[in-house]
């Protein structure tokens, strides 16, 4: 279902340590970049509205947000339609940060990642990771930033798929299975 973007950016009252506000972004030149895209949150009006909480935003350079990142988001939506179910994890990586904005000192991440998991017809997992330096050429192609999932796990310190069998998890996370993903 397609819904109109509400563009109703708001502080997230559930963040007890404080939340960014619209003024943190005003006049900075940075976009309020969605981590979970508004276009992926159309199951209800509430879900769409919640995707505009600042807890789902990260300062992004306009050409990054509007070019390479939006193309990746669209490709991920296509993958979800094609494969029926795709698990997606997205986030900033606070390494080589680009500074801070606003009175709340919102950190401008140096990198962003997106990790996808699907299960093939044989029941085996297929994963793909994307690791982007925040500063990329406007003409960059998201396909040039494919890395093994375990690379992103090492940088972030996160285990994205702890429920997978540990005997196989490492092998799948080390693979780049571009053919499964149509790349």
N, C-alpha and C. Protein backbone atom coordinates (compact mmCIF):
# COMPACT_ATOMS: atom_id res chain seq x y z
N UNK A 1 0.85 -1.18 0.00
CA UNK A 1 0.00 0.00 0.00
C UNK A 1 0.89 1.24 0.00
N UNK A 2 0.55 2.18 -0.81
CA UNK A 2 1.32 3.41 -0.88
C UNK A 2 0.58 4.53 -0.14
N UNK A 3 1.29 5.19 0.71
CA UNK A 3 0.74 6.33 1.45
C UNK A 3 1.59 7.55 1.15
N UNK A 4 0.99 8.70 1.29
CA UNK A 4 1.75 9.93 1.15
C UNK A 4 2.70 10.05 2.35
N UNK A 5 3.89 10.59 2.07
CA UNK A 5 4.82 10.88 3.17
C UNK A 5 4.18 11.94 4.05
N UNK A 6 4.23 11.72 5.34
CA UNK A 6 3.65 12.74 6.22
C UNK A 6 4.61 13.90 6.44
N UNK A 7 5.92 13.67 6.24
CA UNK A 7 6.93 14.70 6.52
C UNK A 7 6.68 15.36 7.87
N UNK A 8 6.33 14.53 8.84
CA UNK A 8 5.98 15.00 10.18
C UNK A 8 7.10 14.68 11.16
N UNK A 9 8.28 15.21 10.90
CA UNK A 9 9.44 14.96 11.74
C UNK A 9 9.13 15.36 13.18
N UNK A 10 9.52 14.50 14.11
CA UNK A 10 9.21 14.76 15.52
C UNK A 10 10.23 14.09 16.43
N UNK A 11 10.42 14.66 17.60
CA UNK A 11 11.26 14.03 18.62
C UNK A 11 10.60 12.74 19.07
N UNK A 12 11.42 11.77 19.42
CA UNK A 12 10.91 10.49 19.90
C UNK A 12 10.86 10.55 21.41
N UNK A 13 9.66 10.62 21.95
CA UNK A 13 9.48 10.75 23.40
C UNK A 13 9.88 9.48 24.14
N UNK A 14 10.07 8.37 23.43
CA UNK A 14 10.49 7.12 24.07
C UNK A 14 12.00 7.07 24.30
N UNK A 15 12.72 8.01 23.76
CA UNK A 15 14.17 8.08 24.00
C UNK A 15 14.37 8.88 25.28
N UNK A 16 14.64 8.18 26.35
CA UNK A 16 14.68 8.83 27.66
C UNK A 16 15.91 9.71 27.86
N UNK A 17 16.95 9.51 27.06
CA UNK A 17 18.16 10.31 27.20
C UNK A 17 18.09 11.60 26.39
N UNK A 18 17.01 11.81 25.68
CA UNK A 18 16.84 13.00 24.86
C UNK A 18 16.87 12.65 23.38
N UNK A 19 16.25 13.48 22.59
CA UNK A 19 16.12 13.21 21.17
C UNK A 19 16.53 14.45 20.39
N UNK A 20 16.99 14.22 19.19
CA UNK A 20 17.25 15.33 18.29
C UNK A 20 15.94 16.06 18.01
N UNK A 21 16.05 17.28 17.54
CA UNK A 21 14.89 18.09 17.17
C UNK A 21 15.15 18.69 15.80
N UNK A 22 14.09 19.20 15.19
CA UNK A 22 14.20 19.75 13.84
C UNK A 22 15.26 20.85 13.75
N UNK A 23 15.34 21.69 14.80
CA UNK A 23 16.32 22.78 14.78
C UNK A 23 17.76 22.30 14.72
N UNK A 24 18.01 21.06 15.16
CA UNK A 24 19.36 20.52 15.06
C UNK A 24 19.81 20.42 13.61
N UNK A 25 18.88 20.25 12.70
CA UNK A 25 19.19 20.10 11.28
C UNK A 25 19.10 21.42 10.52
N UNK A 26 18.34 22.37 11.03
CA UNK A 26 18.07 23.62 10.32
C UNK A 26 19.35 24.37 9.98
N UNK A 27 19.49 24.71 8.71
CA UNK A 27 20.61 25.51 8.25
C UNK A 27 21.95 24.80 8.23
N UNK A 28 21.97 23.48 8.44
CA UNK A 28 23.25 22.76 8.51
C UNK A 28 23.70 22.25 7.13
N UNK A 29 22.77 22.12 6.21
CA UNK A 29 23.10 21.53 4.92
C UNK A 29 22.97 20.02 4.91
N UNK A 30 22.61 19.43 6.05
CA UNK A 30 22.44 17.98 6.12
C UNK A 30 20.97 17.61 6.03
N UNK A 31 20.70 16.51 5.31
CA UNK A 31 19.35 15.96 5.24
C UNK A 31 19.05 15.19 6.51
N UNK A 32 17.76 15.10 6.82
CA UNK A 32 17.29 14.22 7.88
C UNK A 32 17.08 12.86 7.20
N UNK A 33 18.13 12.06 7.17
CA UNK A 33 18.12 10.81 6.43
C UNK A 33 17.48 9.68 7.22
N UNK A 34 16.46 9.06 6.63
CA UNK A 34 15.81 7.91 7.25
C UNK A 34 16.75 6.72 7.29
N UNK A 35 16.76 6.00 8.40
CA UNK A 35 17.45 4.71 8.46
C UNK A 35 16.49 3.62 7.98
N UNK A 36 15.27 3.63 8.46
CA UNK A 36 14.21 2.78 7.93
C UNK A 36 13.34 3.69 7.06
N UNK A 37 13.37 3.51 5.74
CA UNK A 37 12.72 4.45 4.83
C UNK A 37 11.21 4.59 5.06
N UNK A 38 10.72 5.80 4.90
CA UNK A 38 9.27 6.04 5.02
C UNK A 38 8.51 5.15 4.04
N UNK A 39 9.06 4.95 2.85
CA UNK A 39 8.38 4.13 1.83
C UNK A 39 8.26 2.67 2.25
N UNK A 40 9.06 2.24 3.23
CA UNK A 40 8.97 0.87 3.74
C UNK A 40 8.04 0.77 4.94
N UNK A 41 7.46 1.87 5.35
CA UNK A 41 6.63 1.91 6.55
C UNK A 41 5.22 2.37 6.22
N UNK A 42 4.64 1.73 5.23
CA UNK A 42 3.30 2.11 4.76
C UNK A 42 2.21 1.15 5.19
N UNK A 43 2.50 0.28 6.12
CA UNK A 43 1.49 -0.68 6.57
C UNK A 43 0.34 0.05 7.27
N UNK A 44 0.63 1.21 7.86
CA UNK A 44 -0.41 2.00 8.51
C UNK A 44 0.03 3.45 8.56
N UNK A 45 -0.92 4.31 8.84
CA UNK A 45 -0.60 5.73 9.00
C UNK A 45 0.35 5.92 10.19
N UNK A 46 0.11 5.15 11.26
CA UNK A 46 0.96 5.25 12.45
C UNK A 46 2.40 4.84 12.13
N UNK A 47 2.57 3.74 11.41
CA UNK A 47 3.93 3.27 11.06
C UNK A 47 4.65 4.33 10.23
N UNK A 48 3.94 4.94 9.29
CA UNK A 48 4.55 5.98 8.47
C UNK A 48 4.96 7.16 9.34
N UNK A 49 4.07 7.56 10.23
CA UNK A 49 4.36 8.68 11.12
C UNK A 49 5.56 8.37 12.01
N UNK A 50 5.62 7.16 12.56
CA UNK A 50 6.72 6.79 13.44
C UNK A 50 8.06 6.75 12.71
N UNK A 51 8.03 6.54 11.40
CA UNK A 51 9.28 6.51 10.64
C UNK A 51 9.91 7.91 10.55
N UNK A 52 9.16 8.93 10.96
CA UNK A 52 9.67 10.30 10.94
C UNK A 52 10.18 10.77 12.30
N UNK A 53 10.24 9.86 13.28
CA UNK A 53 10.85 10.21 14.56
C UNK A 53 12.34 10.44 14.34
N UNK A 54 12.89 11.37 15.06
CA UNK A 54 14.31 11.66 14.93
C UNK A 54 15.18 10.48 15.37
N UNK A 55 14.63 9.55 16.13
CA UNK A 55 15.40 8.34 16.48
C UNK A 55 15.62 7.46 15.26
N UNK A 56 14.91 7.72 14.17
CA UNK A 56 15.07 6.99 12.90
C UNK A 56 15.81 7.85 11.87
N UNK A 57 16.32 8.98 12.29
CA UNK A 57 17.02 9.90 11.38
C UNK A 57 18.50 9.92 11.69
N UNK A 58 19.25 10.25 10.67
CA UNK A 58 20.68 10.45 10.84
C UNK A 58 21.10 11.53 9.86
N UNK A 59 21.96 12.45 10.28
CA UNK A 59 22.39 13.51 9.36
C UNK A 59 23.12 12.90 8.16
N UNK A 60 22.61 13.20 6.98
CA UNK A 60 23.22 12.69 5.76
C UNK A 60 23.48 13.83 4.79
N UNK A 61 24.63 13.76 4.13
CA UNK A 61 24.91 14.72 3.07
C UNK A 61 23.84 14.57 2.00
N UNK A 62 23.35 15.67 1.47
CA UNK A 62 22.24 15.59 0.50
C UNK A 62 22.51 14.65 -0.68
N UNK A 63 23.69 14.73 -1.30
CA UNK A 63 23.93 13.87 -2.46
C UNK A 63 24.00 12.40 -2.06
N UNK A 64 24.46 12.12 -0.84
CA UNK A 64 24.48 10.73 -0.36
C UNK A 64 23.05 10.24 -0.17
N UNK A 65 22.25 11.01 0.56
CA UNK A 65 20.87 10.64 0.86
C UNK A 65 20.01 10.52 -0.40
N UNK A 66 20.16 11.44 -1.31
CA UNK A 66 19.25 11.55 -2.47
C UNK A 66 19.72 10.77 -3.69
N UNK A 67 20.93 10.27 -3.64
CA UNK A 67 21.46 9.54 -4.79
C UNK A 67 21.74 8.08 -4.44
N UNK A 68 22.90 7.80 -3.89
CA UNK A 68 23.31 6.41 -3.68
C UNK A 68 22.43 5.70 -2.64
N UNK A 69 22.08 6.39 -1.55
CA UNK A 69 21.29 5.77 -0.48
C UNK A 69 19.87 5.47 -0.94
N UNK A 70 19.23 6.41 -1.62
CA UNK A 70 17.85 6.19 -2.07
C UNK A 70 17.79 5.09 -3.12
N UNK A 71 18.82 4.98 -3.94
CA UNK A 71 18.86 3.90 -4.93
C UNK A 71 18.98 2.54 -4.24
N UNK A 72 19.80 2.48 -3.19
CA UNK A 72 19.91 1.24 -2.43
C UNK A 72 18.58 0.89 -1.77
N UNK A 73 17.92 1.88 -1.17
CA UNK A 73 16.62 1.63 -0.52
C UNK A 73 15.61 1.07 -1.53
N UNK A 74 15.58 1.62 -2.70
CA UNK A 74 14.66 1.15 -3.74
C UNK A 74 15.01 -0.29 -4.15
N UNK A 75 16.29 -0.57 -4.31
CA UNK A 75 16.73 -1.92 -4.67
C UNK A 75 16.34 -2.92 -3.58
N UNK A 76 16.48 -2.53 -2.32
CA UNK A 76 16.10 -3.42 -1.21
C UNK A 76 14.61 -3.72 -1.26
N UNK A 77 13.78 -2.71 -1.54
CA UNK A 77 12.34 -2.96 -1.68
C UNK A 77 12.06 -3.95 -2.80
N UNK A 78 12.75 -3.80 -3.91
CA UNK A 78 12.59 -4.74 -5.03
C UNK A 78 13.00 -6.16 -4.62
N UNK A 79 14.06 -6.28 -3.83
CA UNK A 79 14.50 -7.59 -3.36
C UNK A 79 13.45 -8.22 -2.46
N UNK A 80 12.83 -7.43 -1.61
CA UNK A 80 11.79 -7.95 -0.71
C UNK A 80 10.60 -8.48 -1.51
N UNK A 81 10.24 -7.77 -2.57
CA UNK A 81 9.14 -8.23 -3.43
C UNK A 81 9.54 -9.50 -4.15
N UNK A 82 10.75 -9.52 -4.71
CA UNK A 82 11.23 -10.66 -5.47
C UNK A 82 11.40 -11.91 -4.62
N UNK A 83 11.93 -11.76 -3.43
CA UNK A 83 12.26 -12.90 -2.59
C UNK A 83 11.16 -13.24 -1.58
N UNK A 84 10.18 -12.38 -1.42
CA UNK A 84 9.09 -12.64 -0.51
C UNK A 84 9.35 -12.20 0.92
N UNK A 85 10.58 -12.35 1.38
CA UNK A 85 10.92 -11.92 2.73
C UNK A 85 12.41 -11.65 2.78
N UNK A 86 12.75 -10.46 3.26
CA UNK A 86 14.14 -10.07 3.44
C UNK A 86 14.24 -9.36 4.78
N UNK A 87 15.20 -9.78 5.58
CA UNK A 87 15.47 -9.13 6.85
C UNK A 87 16.54 -8.07 6.61
N UNK A 88 16.28 -6.86 7.09
CA UNK A 88 17.17 -5.74 6.81
C UNK A 88 17.58 -5.07 8.12
N UNK A 89 18.88 -4.81 8.24
CA UNK A 89 19.40 -4.05 9.36
C UNK A 89 20.21 -2.90 8.78
N UNK A 90 19.97 -1.72 9.31
CA UNK A 90 20.62 -0.51 8.80
C UNK A 90 21.11 0.33 9.97
N UNK A 91 22.20 1.03 9.74
CA UNK A 91 22.63 1.92 10.81
C UNK A 91 23.84 2.76 10.44
N UNK A 92 24.13 3.69 11.32
CA UNK A 92 25.35 4.50 11.18
C UNK A 92 26.52 3.77 11.82
N UNK A 93 27.71 4.13 11.39
CA UNK A 93 28.92 3.66 12.05
C UNK A 93 29.70 4.91 12.45
N UNK A 94 29.96 5.02 13.74
CA UNK A 94 30.60 6.22 14.27
C UNK A 94 32.12 6.08 14.27
N UNK A 95 32.67 6.03 13.06
CA UNK A 95 34.11 5.99 12.83
C UNK A 95 34.41 7.07 11.80
N UNK A 96 35.46 7.84 12.03
CA UNK A 96 35.80 8.95 11.12
C UNK A 96 34.60 9.87 10.92
N UNK A 97 33.95 10.22 12.01
CA UNK A 97 32.76 11.06 11.96
C UNK A 97 33.07 12.41 11.32
N UNK A 98 32.01 13.04 10.82
CA UNK A 98 32.15 14.32 10.11
C UNK A 98 31.81 15.52 10.99
N UNK A 99 31.70 15.30 12.29
CA UNK A 99 31.40 16.40 13.21
C UNK A 99 30.06 16.20 13.88
N UNK A 100 29.51 17.32 14.35
CA UNK A 100 28.21 17.31 15.05
C UNK A 100 27.39 18.49 14.56
N UNK A 101 26.07 18.36 14.67
CA UNK A 101 25.18 19.46 14.30
C UNK A 101 24.21 19.75 15.44
N UNK A 102 23.78 21.00 15.50
CA UNK A 102 22.71 21.40 16.40
C UNK A 102 23.09 21.49 17.86
N UNK A 103 22.15 22.05 18.61
CA UNK A 103 22.38 22.23 20.05
C UNK A 103 22.41 20.90 20.79
N UNK A 104 21.82 19.86 20.18
CA UNK A 104 21.86 18.52 20.78
C UNK A 104 23.10 17.74 20.36
N UNK A 105 23.96 18.39 19.58
CA UNK A 105 25.22 17.79 19.12
C UNK A 105 25.01 16.41 18.52
N UNK A 106 24.18 16.36 17.49
CA UNK A 106 23.90 15.13 16.78
C UNK A 106 25.13 14.77 15.95
N UNK A 107 25.67 13.59 16.18
CA UNK A 107 26.88 13.16 15.48
C UNK A 107 26.58 12.83 14.02
N UNK A 108 27.45 13.29 13.14
CA UNK A 108 27.36 13.00 11.71
C UNK A 108 28.27 11.80 11.46
N UNK A 109 27.68 10.62 11.21
CA UNK A 109 28.48 9.40 11.07
C UNK A 109 29.45 9.45 9.89
N UNK A 110 30.54 8.74 10.06
CA UNK A 110 31.51 8.62 8.98
C UNK A 110 31.13 7.55 7.98
N UNK A 111 30.32 6.59 8.42
CA UNK A 111 29.92 5.46 7.56
C UNK A 111 28.47 5.09 7.84
N UNK A 112 27.89 4.37 6.88
CA UNK A 112 26.57 3.75 7.04
C UNK A 112 26.65 2.33 6.52
N UNK A 113 25.79 1.47 7.07
CA UNK A 113 25.74 0.09 6.58
C UNK A 113 24.29 -0.33 6.37
N UNK A 114 24.15 -1.36 5.57
CA UNK A 114 22.88 -2.05 5.39
C UNK A 114 23.22 -3.52 5.19
N UNK A 115 22.56 -4.39 5.94
CA UNK A 115 22.78 -5.83 5.88
C UNK A 115 21.45 -6.50 5.58
N UNK A 116 21.46 -7.43 4.63
CA UNK A 116 20.24 -8.14 4.23
C UNK A 116 20.42 -9.64 4.40
N UNK A 117 19.34 -10.31 4.76
CA UNK A 117 19.30 -11.76 4.90
C UNK A 117 18.01 -12.27 4.26
N UNK A 118 18.13 -13.31 3.47
CA UNK A 118 16.97 -14.02 2.97
C UNK A 118 17.30 -15.50 3.02
N UNK A 119 16.30 -16.33 2.86
CA UNK A 119 16.53 -17.77 2.82
C UNK A 119 16.18 -18.28 1.42
N UNK A 120 17.13 -19.02 0.85
CA UNK A 120 16.94 -19.57 -0.49
C UNK A 120 15.96 -20.73 -0.43
N UNK A 121 15.56 -21.21 -1.60
CA UNK A 121 14.61 -22.32 -1.67
C UNK A 121 15.11 -23.56 -0.95
N UNK A 122 16.44 -23.76 -0.90
CA UNK A 122 16.99 -24.92 -0.21
C UNK A 122 17.05 -24.73 1.31
N UNK A 123 16.58 -23.57 1.79
CA UNK A 123 16.55 -23.29 3.23
C UNK A 123 17.81 -22.64 3.76
N UNK A 124 18.85 -22.56 2.94
CA UNK A 124 20.09 -21.94 3.38
C UNK A 124 19.98 -20.42 3.31
N UNK A 125 20.65 -19.74 4.24
CA UNK A 125 20.61 -18.28 4.22
C UNK A 125 21.48 -17.70 3.11
N UNK A 126 21.12 -16.53 2.67
CA UNK A 126 21.94 -15.75 1.76
C UNK A 126 21.97 -14.34 2.33
N UNK A 127 23.17 -13.80 2.45
CA UNK A 127 23.35 -12.48 3.05
C UNK A 127 24.14 -11.59 2.10
N UNK A 128 23.93 -10.31 2.30
CA UNK A 128 24.73 -9.33 1.57
C UNK A 128 24.87 -8.10 2.47
N UNK A 129 26.04 -7.51 2.44
CA UNK A 129 26.29 -6.31 3.22
C UNK A 129 26.73 -5.17 2.33
N UNK A 130 26.38 -3.97 2.74
CA UNK A 130 26.81 -2.75 2.06
C UNK A 130 27.44 -1.84 3.11
N UNK A 131 28.63 -1.36 2.82
CA UNK A 131 29.35 -0.48 3.73
C UNK A 131 29.75 0.76 2.95
N UNK A 132 29.21 1.90 3.37
CA UNK A 132 29.41 3.16 2.66
C UNK A 132 30.16 4.17 3.49
N UNK A 133 31.25 4.71 2.96
CA UNK A 133 31.75 5.93 3.60
C UNK A 133 30.72 7.01 3.33
N UNK A 134 30.47 7.85 4.30
CA UNK A 134 29.45 8.90 4.14
C UNK A 134 29.79 9.82 2.97
N UNK A 135 31.06 10.06 2.77
CA UNK A 135 31.49 10.92 1.68
C UNK A 135 31.82 10.03 0.48
N UNK A 136 30.89 9.95 -0.45
CA UNK A 136 31.08 9.19 -1.69
C UNK A 136 30.77 10.13 -2.85
N UNK A 137 31.33 9.86 -4.02
CA UNK A 137 30.97 10.68 -5.18
C UNK A 137 29.47 10.59 -5.46
N UNK A 138 28.87 11.68 -5.90
CA UNK A 138 27.44 11.69 -6.21
C UNK A 138 27.09 10.64 -7.26
N UNK A 139 28.05 10.31 -8.11
CA UNK A 139 27.80 9.34 -9.17
C UNK A 139 28.05 7.90 -8.72
N UNK A 140 28.35 7.68 -7.44
CA UNK A 140 28.66 6.34 -6.95
C UNK A 140 27.49 5.39 -7.15
N UNK A 141 27.81 4.13 -7.40
CA UNK A 141 26.81 3.08 -7.55
C UNK A 141 26.84 2.23 -6.28
N UNK A 142 25.68 2.02 -5.67
CA UNK A 142 25.63 1.27 -4.41
C UNK A 142 26.24 -0.12 -4.56
N UNK A 143 26.22 -0.68 -5.76
CA UNK A 143 26.75 -2.02 -5.98
C UNK A 143 28.26 -2.08 -5.76
N UNK A 144 28.91 -0.93 -5.77
CA UNK A 144 30.36 -0.89 -5.55
C UNK A 144 30.74 -0.98 -4.07
N UNK A 145 29.74 -1.05 -3.19
CA UNK A 145 30.00 -1.03 -1.76
C UNK A 145 29.60 -2.32 -1.06
N UNK A 146 29.52 -3.40 -1.84
CA UNK A 146 29.18 -4.72 -1.30
C UNK A 146 30.39 -5.27 -0.54
N UNK A 147 30.14 -5.75 0.66
CA UNK A 147 31.17 -6.39 1.47
C UNK A 147 30.55 -7.59 2.17
N UNK A 148 31.38 -8.53 2.63
CA UNK A 148 30.83 -9.63 3.43
C UNK A 148 30.22 -9.08 4.73
N UNK A 149 29.16 -9.72 5.18
CA UNK A 149 28.48 -9.28 6.40
C UNK A 149 29.44 -9.30 7.59
N UNK A 150 30.35 -10.27 7.63
CA UNK A 150 31.25 -10.32 8.80
C UNK A 150 32.19 -9.11 8.85
N UNK A 151 32.43 -8.44 7.73
CA UNK A 151 33.22 -7.20 7.73
C UNK A 151 32.49 -6.13 8.54
N UNK A 152 31.18 -6.01 8.30
CA UNK A 152 30.38 -5.01 9.02
C UNK A 152 30.24 -5.40 10.49
N UNK A 153 30.11 -6.70 10.76
CA UNK A 153 30.04 -7.14 12.15
C UNK A 153 31.33 -6.79 12.91
N UNK A 154 32.46 -6.95 12.25
CA UNK A 154 33.74 -6.63 12.88
C UNK A 154 33.83 -5.14 13.20
N UNK A 155 33.42 -4.30 12.27
CA UNK A 155 33.51 -2.85 12.47
C UNK A 155 32.53 -2.36 13.54
N UNK A 156 31.30 -2.90 13.52
CA UNK A 156 30.26 -2.43 14.45
C UNK A 156 30.27 -3.14 15.80
N UNK A 157 30.85 -4.33 15.84
CA UNK A 157 30.79 -5.13 17.07
C UNK A 157 29.44 -5.79 17.28
N UNK A 158 28.61 -5.82 16.23
CA UNK A 158 27.28 -6.41 16.31
C UNK A 158 27.26 -7.80 15.68
N UNK A 159 26.40 -8.67 16.21
CA UNK A 159 26.13 -9.97 15.60
C UNK A 159 24.73 -9.87 15.02
N UNK A 160 24.64 -9.72 13.71
CA UNK A 160 23.35 -9.44 13.08
C UNK A 160 22.39 -10.62 13.10
N UNK A 161 22.91 -11.84 13.06
CA UNK A 161 22.03 -12.99 12.95
C UNK A 161 22.37 -14.05 14.00
N UNK A 162 22.20 -13.71 15.28
CA UNK A 162 22.59 -14.63 16.35
C UNK A 162 21.74 -15.90 16.39
N UNK A 163 20.58 -15.90 15.78
CA UNK A 163 19.72 -17.08 15.82
C UNK A 163 20.15 -18.15 14.83
N UNK A 164 21.02 -17.81 13.90
CA UNK A 164 21.50 -18.81 12.94
C UNK A 164 22.45 -19.78 13.64
N UNK A 165 22.48 -21.00 13.13
CA UNK A 165 23.37 -22.03 13.65
C UNK A 165 24.82 -21.54 13.57
N UNK A 166 25.50 -21.49 14.69
CA UNK A 166 26.86 -20.96 14.74
C UNK A 166 27.83 -21.71 13.84
N UNK A 167 27.57 -22.99 13.58
CA UNK A 167 28.47 -23.77 12.72
C UNK A 167 28.49 -23.21 11.31
N UNK A 168 27.35 -22.69 10.85
CA UNK A 168 27.24 -22.21 9.47
C UNK A 168 27.26 -20.70 9.36
N UNK A 169 26.92 -20.02 10.45
CA UNK A 169 26.77 -18.57 10.42
C UNK A 169 28.01 -17.87 9.87
N UNK A 170 29.17 -18.21 10.39
CA UNK A 170 30.41 -17.57 9.96
C UNK A 170 30.70 -17.77 8.48
N UNK A 171 30.40 -18.97 7.99
CA UNK A 171 30.65 -19.27 6.57
C UNK A 171 29.76 -18.40 5.68
N UNK A 172 28.50 -18.28 6.02
CA UNK A 172 27.57 -17.48 5.22
C UNK A 172 27.89 -15.99 5.32
N UNK A 173 28.30 -15.56 6.51
CA UNK A 173 28.60 -14.14 6.70
C UNK A 173 29.89 -13.73 5.99
N UNK A 174 30.73 -14.68 5.67
CA UNK A 174 31.98 -14.38 4.97
C UNK A 174 31.80 -14.38 3.45
N UNK A 175 30.69 -14.93 2.99
CA UNK A 175 30.46 -15.06 1.55
C UNK A 175 29.88 -13.78 0.95
N UNK A 176 30.18 -13.56 -0.30
CA UNK A 176 29.49 -12.54 -1.08
C UNK A 176 28.77 -13.29 -2.18
N UNK A 177 27.47 -13.44 -2.01
CA UNK A 177 26.68 -14.22 -2.98
C UNK A 177 25.88 -13.27 -3.87
N UNK A 178 26.62 -12.50 -4.69
CA UNK A 178 25.98 -11.52 -5.56
C UNK A 178 24.95 -12.12 -6.50
N UNK A 179 25.18 -13.36 -6.95
CA UNK A 179 24.26 -13.95 -7.91
C UNK A 179 22.86 -14.14 -7.30
N UNK A 180 22.80 -14.48 -6.02
CA UNK A 180 21.50 -14.64 -5.35
C UNK A 180 20.75 -13.31 -5.34
N UNK A 181 21.50 -12.23 -5.25
CA UNK A 181 20.92 -10.90 -5.12
C UNK A 181 20.82 -10.18 -6.46
N UNK A 182 21.18 -10.85 -7.54
CA UNK A 182 21.04 -10.25 -8.87
C UNK A 182 22.05 -9.15 -9.15
N UNK A 183 23.20 -9.22 -8.52
CA UNK A 183 24.24 -8.20 -8.77
C UNK A 183 25.35 -8.77 -9.60
